[in-house]
């Protein structure tokens, strides 16, 4: 694979990841508003994991 193709993929994955994290945050808020606090907590944990993955994707881009 060419470095430019990898860069394009990493950029795409990073943006896709951010989009999912935003959606999970929204659903976490909605779950909290419905009193489903354990569900909210799990969704926010998933967001933390996505944010961590996003940092790794960004680092990979920087190193590329």
Protein backbone atom coordinates (compact mmCIF):
# COMPACT_ATOMS: atom_id res chain seq x y z
CA UNK A 1 0.00 0.00 0.00
CA UNK A 2 1.22 3.48 -0.82
CA UNK A 3 1.70 5.91 2.08
CA UNK A 4 -0.83 8.31 0.55
CA UNK A 5 -3.49 5.58 0.48
CA UNK A 6 -2.80 4.78 4.12
CA UNK A 7 -3.06 8.48 4.98
CA UNK A 8 -6.46 8.67 3.29
CA UNK A 9 -7.67 5.62 5.20
CA UNK A 10 -6.41 6.92 8.53
CA UNK A 11 -8.08 10.28 7.95
CA UNK A 12 -11.32 8.56 7.03
CA UNK A 13 -11.22 6.26 10.06
CA UNK A 14 -10.46 9.19 12.34
CA UNK A 15 -13.45 11.18 11.09
CA UNK A 16 -15.69 8.12 11.14
CA UNK A 17 -14.63 7.43 14.71
CA UNK A 18 -15.43 11.01 15.75
CA UNK A 19 -18.86 10.71 14.15
CA UNK A 20 -19.64 7.55 16.08
CA UNK A 21 -18.42 9.08 19.34
CA UNK A 22 -20.73 12.06 18.83
CA UNK A 23 -23.67 9.74 18.21
CA UNK A 24 -22.91 7.71 21.32
CA UNK A 25 -22.67 10.89 23.41
CA UNK A 26 -26.09 11.97 22.16
CA UNK A 27 -27.58 8.57 22.98
CA UNK A 28 -25.93 8.66 26.41
CA UNK A 29 -27.65 11.98 27.12
CA UNK A 30 -30.97 10.58 25.97
CA UNK A 31 -30.55 7.47 28.12
CA UNK A 32 -29.73 9.68 31.10
CA UNK A 33 -32.84 11.78 30.46
CA UNK A 34 -34.89 8.57 30.55
CA UNK A 35 -33.36 7.58 33.86
CA UNK A 36 -31.24 4.80 32.36
CA UNK A 37 -28.07 5.84 34.15
CA UNK A 38 -26.29 2.50 33.84
CA UNK A 39 -26.87 2.56 30.08
CA UNK A 40 -25.62 6.14 29.98
CA UNK A 41 -22.49 5.16 31.88
CA UNK A 42 -21.75 2.29 29.48
CA UNK A 43 -22.23 4.51 26.45
CA UNK A 44 -19.90 7.11 27.94
CA UNK A 45 -17.34 4.37 28.57
CA UNK A 46 -17.61 3.42 24.91
CA UNK A 47 -17.03 7.08 23.99
CA UNK A 48 -13.88 7.12 26.12
CA UNK A 49 -12.62 4.07 24.27
CA UNK A 50 -13.40 5.67 20.91
CA UNK A 51 -11.64 8.86 21.97
CA UNK A 52 -8.60 6.80 22.95
CA UNK A 53 -8.68 5.00 19.60
CA UNK A 54 -8.95 8.37 17.90
CA UNK A 55 -5.81 9.58 19.64
CA UNK A 56 -3.97 6.52 18.33
CA UNK A 57 -5.23 7.17 14.81
CA UNK A 58 -4.04 10.77 15.03
CA UNK A 59 -0.63 9.64 16.29
CA UNK A 60 -0.39 7.20 13.41
CA UNK A 61 -1.16 10.05 11.00
CA UNK A 62 1.52 12.22 12.59
CA UNK A 63 4.09 9.43 12.27
CA UNK A 64 3.14 8.81 8.67
